[in-house]
Protein backbone atom coordinates (compact mmCIF):
# COMPACT_ATOMS: atom_id res chain seq x y z
CA UNK A 1 73.37 57.86 169.24
CA UNK A 2 73.26 55.21 166.37
CA UNK A 3 70.87 57.39 164.44
CA UNK A 4 73.14 60.47 164.55
CA UNK A 5 76.25 58.26 163.77
CA UNK A 6 74.42 56.66 160.78
CA UNK A 7 73.52 60.05 159.36
CA UNK A 8 77.19 61.27 159.67
CA UNK A 9 78.47 58.08 158.08
CA UNK A 10 75.73 58.01 155.36
CA UNK A 11 74.85 54.51 156.50
CA UNK A 12 71.72 52.87 157.84
CA UNK A 13 71.12 52.62 161.61
CA UNK A 14 70.98 48.88 161.22
CA UNK A 15 74.46 48.89 159.59
CA UNK A 16 75.83 50.97 162.50
CA UNK A 17 74.17 48.84 165.29
CA UNK A 18 75.40 45.68 163.51
CA UNK A 19 78.93 46.80 163.24
CA UNK A 20 79.11 47.89 166.83
CA UNK A 21 77.65 44.46 167.96
CA UNK A 22 80.30 42.78 165.70
CA UNK A 23 83.16 44.66 167.24
CA UNK A 24 81.84 43.53 170.71
CA UNK A 25 81.56 39.83 169.51
CA UNK A 26 85.09 39.79 167.92
CA UNK A 27 87.01 41.73 170.53
CA UNK A 28 85.02 41.18 173.79
CA UNK A 29 85.01 44.94 174.11
CA UNK A 30 81.80 46.85 174.22
CA UNK A 31 82.02 50.21 172.29
CA UNK A 32 79.13 51.48 174.50
CA UNK A 33 81.30 51.23 177.62
CA UNK A 34 83.74 54.24 177.99
CA UNK A 35 86.54 52.15 179.38
CA UNK A 36 86.32 49.69 176.64
CA UNK A 37 85.97 52.44 174.08
CA UNK A 38 89.34 53.86 175.19
CA UNK A 39 90.99 50.44 174.74
CA UNK A 40 89.49 50.13 171.21
CA UNK A 41 90.62 53.62 170.27
CA UNK A 42 94.13 52.92 171.54
CA UNK A 43 94.23 49.66 169.41
CA UNK A 44 93.23 51.64 166.34
CA UNK A 45 95.87 54.34 166.98
CA UNK A 46 98.49 51.61 167.42
CA UNK A 47 97.50 49.80 164.24
CA UNK A 48 97.63 53.02 162.43
CA UNK A 49 101.04 53.84 163.81
CA UNK A 50 102.35 50.42 162.75
CA UNK A 51 100.75 50.78 159.36
CA UNK A 52 98.88 47.62 160.06
CA UNK A 53 97.61 45.61 158.08
CA UNK A 54 99.71 46.95 155.10
CA UNK A 55 102.87 45.99 157.03
CA UNK A 56 102.73 42.59 158.72
CA UNK A 57 103.42 42.68 162.55
CA UNK A 58 106.84 41.44 163.56
CA UNK A 59 106.96 37.80 164.80
CA UNK A 60 107.14 37.25 168.47
CA UNK A 61 109.04 34.64 170.35
């Protein structure tokens, strides 16, 4: 999968695997797990809908 993805992104396989591992490290969600992938995709769509990070998120509290 990483080889095909790397080709589509015009990146090295090492770059793709590093970034996937970095996502897992930072978020605790594994992009290889379908349930986690859904959560990550939902987060990306939410960020895009809120125009984040261009617009700061509202303060909570």
